[in-house]
Amino acid sequence: MDLKESFIKNRFVITSEIQPPLDEDFRELIENIEKIRGRLDAVTVPEFDIEGVVADSIGTCGILRENKFDPILQTGTREKNRLDLQSFLVKAFEKGVKNILAFTEDYRITGDSLQEIMFFHVDSGKLFSVVDSLKGGHDVAGKDLKKSAEFFVGSGIDSACGRNVPDLELKEMEEMVRLGTGYFLTTPVFDLDEFQKFMKRVEPFKVPVIAEVILLKSANTGHFINRYLKKGLVPGRIIQKLAKAPDKEKASIEIFTDIIKGLKDICHGVHLIPLGWEGKIPRFLDAAKL
């Protein structure tokens, strides 16, 4: 069952991010994802281009396809024009990629470091004009392609506002739904009450929403997120629990389990950010009964 089918069947969808290797050695990646085979609906691979260090995200998606996993290729749209997006999507489709997760500007957290500030929302007009062209069997200039390419597109949204979702954001979401967004991925969720208020505000769109959940490795990680992503995003009580815990991993699992328990009744799935703990994901899934 692929990602789109999982949403159609109203499953509680579980996805996780993995980092593409910086070399061509995929052994560790395959070893880690084998541990979660059958437990994830899809695996997200972000673009990786930091200070000239580039990883082959599309190639990594191809490896996942070869190993019978459903990959989601994550990309940013701000720095790409329509021709760039077209080239990117055609290459992805040739590797068997059918799922795209798009933000205005890509971001990622690796280890305890935030390499780029996140910019959610999508340049929807630019992205979907390319997606629609490829689906129709021609490029953005109208030239016929040998084969049409169809994608299931997810879009990033900011869920940190609770009930006070800006009207502009609601209009952007409405436009993305009209253009064909298949699901929304939120900013990281820690406060369940605020997230529930957000979900009530966006419920009229009737598009699946999955919540991003970070596996917090330490109190320092929480402080870092609050400093560079959004002030107060990680509640003080969670940071204090991690700071006082003699076993940080156990405390992190407990925090994760509590968040997942609440999310099951609020949204349509979760997207895990392991922060280097890819090999430990099964322990988190076991604890949360996922």
Protein backbone atom coordinates (compact mmCIF):
# COMPACT_ATOMS: atom_id res chain seq x y z
CA MET A 1 0.00 0.00 0.00
CA ASP A 2 1.47 3.37 -0.97
CA LEU A 3 1.09 6.69 0.86
CA LYS A 4 -1.89 7.92 -1.14
CA GLU A 5 -3.77 4.65 -0.58
CA SER A 6 -3.09 4.88 3.15
CA PHE A 7 -4.82 8.26 3.28
CA ILE A 8 -7.72 7.00 1.16
CA LYS A 9 -8.24 4.11 3.57
CA ASN A 10 -8.18 6.54 6.53
CA ARG A 11 -5.21 4.88 8.18
CA PHE A 12 -3.25 6.72 10.86
CA VAL A 13 -0.27 7.41 8.63
CA ILE A 14 3.29 7.11 9.92
CA THR A 15 6.23 8.54 8.02
CA SER A 16 9.79 9.26 9.03
CA GLU A 17 12.63 11.36 7.70
CA ILE A 18 16.00 9.83 6.88
CA GLN A 19 19.12 11.70 5.87
CA PRO A 20 20.62 10.72 2.48
CA PRO A 21 24.21 9.49 2.87
CA LEU A 22 26.96 11.89 1.88
CA ASP A 23 28.75 9.10 0.02
CA GLU A 24 27.42 6.16 -1.99
CA ASP A 25 27.45 3.78 0.97
CA PHE A 26 23.81 2.94 1.69
CA ARG A 27 24.50 0.04 4.06
CA GLU A 28 23.71 1.87 7.30
CA LEU A 29 20.61 3.44 5.79
CA ILE A 30 19.27 0.09 4.61
CA GLU A 31 20.12 -1.50 7.96
CA ASN A 32 18.12 1.15 9.84
CA ILE A 33 15.06 1.12 7.61
CA GLU A 34 14.92 -2.69 7.63
CA LYS A 35 14.24 -2.41 11.36
CA ILE A 36 11.03 -0.52 10.62
CA ARG A 37 9.85 -2.43 7.57
CA GLY A 38 6.08 -2.74 7.60
CA ARG A 39 5.67 -0.05 10.26
CA LEU A 40 5.95 3.08 8.13
CA ASP A 41 3.73 4.16 5.27
CA ALA A 42 6.54 6.10 3.63
CA VAL A 43 10.06 7.43 4.19
CA THR A 44 10.93 11.08 3.54
CA VAL A 45 14.27 12.04 2.01
CA PRO A 46 15.12 15.77 2.16
CA GLU A 47 17.34 17.57 -0.27
CA PHE A 48 20.78 18.03 1.29
CA ASP A 49 22.94 20.91 0.12
CA ILE A 50 24.80 22.66 2.94
CA GLU A 51 27.87 24.80 2.34
CA GLY A 52 28.68 22.93 -0.84
CA VAL A 53 28.12 19.47 0.66
CA VAL A 54 25.52 17.76 -1.52
CA ALA A 55 23.89 14.36 -1.05
CA ASP A 56 22.02 12.42 -3.73
CA SER A 57 18.46 12.63 -2.42
CA ILE A 58 16.88 11.42 -5.65
CA GLY A 59 19.31 8.50 -5.81
CA THR A 60 18.48 7.66 -2.19
CA CYS A 61 14.79 7.56 -3.11
CA GLY A 62 15.70 5.16 -5.90
CA ILE A 63 17.47 2.87 -3.42
CA LEU A 64 14.41 2.94 -1.19
CA ARG A 65 12.20 1.98 -4.13
CA GLU A 66 14.54 -0.91 -4.97
CA ASN A 67 14.15 -2.10 -1.37
CA LYS A 68 10.34 -1.93 -1.52
CA PHE A 69 9.88 1.27 0.51
CA ASP A 70 7.66 4.15 -0.58
CA PRO A 71 9.86 7.28 -0.68
CA ILE A 72 8.77 10.91 -0.31
CA LEU A 73 11.16 13.40 -1.88
CA GLN A 74 11.24 16.64 0.12
CA THR A 75 12.09 19.82 -1.71
CA GLY A 76 12.00 23.57 -1.43
CA THR A 77 10.51 25.81 -4.12
CA ARG A 78 11.88 29.25 -3.29
CA GLU A 79 15.23 28.82 -5.05
CA LYS A 80 13.84 26.89 -8.03
CA ASN A 81 12.19 28.36 -11.10
CA ARG A 82 9.73 26.30 -13.13
CA LEU A 83 12.44 24.80 -15.34
CA ASP A 84 14.44 23.80 -12.26
CA LEU A 85 11.38 22.19 -10.74
CA GLN A 86 10.59 20.42 -13.99
CA SER A 87 14.10 18.95 -14.26
CA PHE A 88 14.02 17.92 -10.60
CA LEU A 89 10.61 16.23 -10.87
CA VAL A 90 11.42 14.42 -14.12
CA LYS A 91 14.61 12.98 -12.60
CA ALA A 92 12.66 11.93 -9.52
CA PHE A 93 9.94 10.25 -11.56
CA GLU A 94 12.58 8.33 -13.52
CA LYS A 95 13.73 6.88 -10.18
CA GLY A 96 10.19 5.79 -9.36
CA VAL A 97 9.34 8.66 -7.01
CA LYS A 98 5.63 9.39 -6.83
CA ASN A 99 5.46 11.41 -3.59
CA ILE A 100 6.65 15.00 -3.21
CA LEU A 101 6.72 17.02 0.01
CA ALA A 102 7.18 20.70 -0.71
CA PHE A 103 8.03 23.80 1.30
CA THR A 104 8.84 27.30 0.18
CA GLU A 105 12.37 26.79 1.48
CA ASP A 106 13.78 23.47 2.60
CA TYR A 107 14.93 22.99 6.17
CA ARG A 108 16.34 20.21 8.26
CA ILE A 109 17.57 19.41 11.71
CA THR A 110 20.57 17.09 11.91
CA GLY A 111 21.86 15.89 15.27
CA ASP A 112 21.54 18.86 17.62
CA SER A 113 22.10 21.44 14.90
CA LEU A 114 19.64 23.41 12.82
CA GLN A 115 21.26 24.08 9.46
CA GLU A 116 18.50 26.24 8.00
CA ILE A 117 15.62 28.20 9.44
CA MET A 118 12.35 26.64 8.35
CA PHE A 119 10.01 28.37 5.94
CA PHE A 120 6.73 26.51 5.66
CA HIS A 121 4.15 27.13 2.96
CA VAL A 122 4.66 26.45 -0.69
CA ASP A 123 4.97 28.57 -3.82
CA SER A 124 1.89 26.68 -4.89
CA GLY A 125 1.23 28.33 -8.24
CA LYS A 126 4.73 27.66 -9.51
CA LEU A 127 4.92 24.10 -8.20
CA PHE A 128 1.51 22.91 -9.34
CA SER A 129 1.81 24.47 -12.78
CA VAL A 130 4.79 22.16 -13.33
CA VAL A 131 3.08 19.17 -11.73
CA ASP A 132 -0.02 19.66 -13.90
CA SER A 133 2.08 19.99 -17.07
CA LEU A 134 3.95 16.75 -16.40
CA LYS A 135 0.72 14.97 -15.56
CA GLY A 136 -0.69 16.14 -18.90
CA GLY A 137 2.26 14.63 -20.75
CA HIS A 138 4.06 17.83 -21.73
CA ASP A 139 6.69 20.16 -20.30
CA VAL A 140 6.10 23.73 -19.14
CA ALA A 141 6.78 24.98 -22.68
CA GLY A 142 4.10 22.70 -24.12
CA LYS A 143 6.47 20.15 -25.66
CA ASP A 144 5.21 16.57 -25.54
CA LEU A 145 7.00 14.15 -23.23
CA LYS A 146 7.59 10.45 -23.87
CA LYS A 147 5.64 9.63 -20.75
CA SER A 148 3.39 11.60 -18.40
CA ALA A 149 4.44 11.89 -14.78
CA GLU A 150 1.98 12.06 -11.88
CA PHE A 151 2.82 12.98 -8.29
CA PHE A 152 1.08 12.93 -4.92
CA VAL A 153 2.02 16.27 -3.35
CA GLY A 154 2.12 17.18 0.33
CA SER A 155 2.55 20.78 1.48
CA GLY A 156 4.06 22.28 4.62
CA ILE A 157 1.99 24.48 6.95
CA ASP A 158 2.66 26.32 10.21
CA SER A 159 0.50 24.91 13.00
CA ALA A 160 2.07 26.85 15.88
CA CYS A 161 -0.63 29.54 15.99
CA GLY A 162 -3.30 27.42 17.66
CA ARG A 163 -6.75 28.91 17.08
CA ASN A 164 -5.23 32.20 15.90
CA VAL A 165 -4.36 30.98 12.42
CA PRO A 166 -3.72 34.06 10.25
CA ASP A 167 -6.31 34.64 7.54
CA LEU A 168 -3.49 34.70 4.98
CA GLU A 169 -2.43 31.19 5.98
CA LEU A 170 -5.99 29.91 5.67
CA LYS A 171 -6.25 31.46 2.20
CA GLU A 172 -2.94 29.85 1.23
CA MET A 173 -4.17 26.47 2.43
CA GLU A 174 -7.43 26.90 0.55
CA GLU A 175 -5.50 27.69 -2.62
CA MET A 176 -3.20 24.67 -2.17
CA VAL A 177 -6.22 22.42 -1.72
CA ARG A 178 -7.77 23.84 -4.88
CA LEU A 179 -4.58 23.18 -6.83
CA GLY A 180 -4.28 19.59 -5.65
CA THR A 181 -2.43 19.24 -2.33
CA GLY A 182 -3.01 15.70 -1.09
CA TYR A 183 -2.09 16.32 2.55
CA PHE A 184 -0.53 18.89 4.86
CA LEU A 185 2.51 18.42 7.09
CA THR A 186 2.68 20.71 10.12
CA THR A 187 5.47 22.33 12.04
CA PRO A 188 6.67 20.28 15.07
CA VAL A 189 3.95 19.60 17.64
CA PHE A 190 4.51 19.60 21.40
CA ASP A 191 1.44 21.40 22.77
CA LEU A 192 -1.57 19.18 22.09
CA ASP A 193 -4.17 21.73 23.26
CA GLU A 194 -2.92 24.38 20.85
CA PHE A 195 -2.65 21.84 18.04
CA GLN A 196 -6.23 20.72 18.56
CA LYS A 197 -7.37 24.35 18.22
CA PHE A 198 -5.42 24.59 14.97
CA MET A 199 -7.03 21.41 13.64
CA LYS A 200 -10.51 22.77 14.32
CA ARG A 201 -9.66 25.88 12.30
CA VAL A 202 -8.48 23.91 9.26
CA GLU A 203 -11.05 21.11 9.45
CA PRO A 204 -13.25 22.65 6.70
CA PHE A 205 -10.54 21.94 4.11
CA LYS A 206 -11.13 18.19 4.54
CA VAL A 207 -7.51 17.38 3.62
CA PRO A 208 -5.45 14.98 5.78
CA VAL A 209 -3.06 16.65 8.20
CA ILE A 210 -0.05 14.85 9.65
CA ALA A 211 1.87 16.27 12.59
CA GLU A 212 5.63 16.49 12.72
CA VAL A 213 7.07 14.98 15.91
CA ILE A 214 10.73 15.43 16.88
CA LEU A 215 12.50 12.78 18.92
CA LEU A 216 14.09 15.03 21.54
CA LYS A 217 17.54 13.75 22.49
CA SER A 218 18.23 16.17 25.34
CA ALA A 219 17.21 19.37 27.09
CA ASN A 220 19.79 21.17 24.95
CA THR A 221 17.90 20.05 21.84
CA GLY A 222 14.73 21.61 23.24
CA HIS A 223 16.54 24.87 24.05
CA PHE A 224 18.03 24.91 20.55
CA ILE A 225 14.63 24.46 18.90
CA ASN A 226 13.16 27.27 21.00
CA ARG A 227 16.04 29.55 20.07
CA TYR A 228 16.18 28.93 16.33
CA LEU A 229 12.75 27.62 15.27
CA LYS A 230 10.19 29.32 17.47
CA LYS A 231 10.38 30.72 20.97
CA GLY A 232 8.48 28.51 23.41
CA LEU A 233 7.78 25.75 20.87
CA VAL A 234 9.12 23.10 23.26
CA PRO A 235 7.30 23.61 26.60
CA GLY A 236 9.41 24.20 29.70
CA ARG A 237 8.00 21.12 31.41
CA ILE A 238 9.35 18.90 28.63
CA ILE A 239 12.79 20.53 28.77
CA GLN A 240 12.87 20.15 32.57
CA LYS A 241 11.95 16.48 32.34
CA LEU A 242 14.81 15.84 29.94
CA ALA A 243 17.25 17.88 32.04
CA LYS A 244 16.45 15.95 35.23
CA ALA A 245 16.17 12.48 33.69
CA PRO A 246 19.11 10.14 34.36
CA ASP A 247 18.10 8.15 31.25
CA LYS A 248 17.56 10.68 28.44
CA GLU A 249 16.37 8.10 25.92
CA LYS A 250 13.74 6.73 28.31
CA ALA A 251 12.49 10.24 29.02
CA SER A 252 12.39 11.03 25.31
CA ILE A 253 10.36 7.90 24.63
CA GLU A 254 7.88 8.84 27.37
CA ILE A 255 7.48 12.34 25.93
CA PHE A 256 7.01 10.89 22.45
CA THR A 257 4.43 8.38 23.66
CA ASP A 258 2.36 11.05 25.40
CA ILE A 259 2.34 13.23 22.27
CA ILE A 260 1.39 10.34 19.98
CA LYS A 261 -1.41 9.24 22.30
CA GLY A 262 -2.98 12.66 21.99
CA LEU A 263 -2.40 13.04 18.27
CA LYS A 264 -4.19 9.80 17.42
CA ASP A 265 -7.50 11.48 18.22
CA ILE A 266 -6.67 14.82 16.61
CA CYS A 267 -5.05 14.37 13.20
CA HIS A 268 -4.42 11.83 10.44
CA GLY A 269 -0.86 10.73 11.15
CA VAL A 270 2.64 11.64 12.31
CA HIS A 271 5.96 12.40 10.66
CA LEU A 272 9.02 11.53 12.75
CA ILE A 273 12.24 13.56 12.86
CA PRO A 274 14.76 11.20 14.50
CA LEU A 275 17.69 13.63 14.91
CA GLY A 276 20.24 10.89 14.35
CA TRP A 277 18.26 8.26 16.22
CA GLU A 278 17.13 6.42 13.07
CA GLY A 279 18.29 3.13 14.54
CA LYS A 280 16.20 3.69 17.67
CA ILE A 281 12.90 4.41 15.94
CA PRO A 282 11.54 0.88 16.64
CA ARG A 283 11.80 1.52 20.40
CA PHE A 284 9.72 4.69 20.05
CA LEU A 285 7.15 2.95 17.84
CA ASP A 286 6.91 0.02 20.26
CA ALA A 287 6.30 2.32 23.22
CA ALA A 288 3.61 4.25 21.36
CA LYS A 289 2.06 1.03 20.01
CA LEU A 290 2.46 2.12 16.40
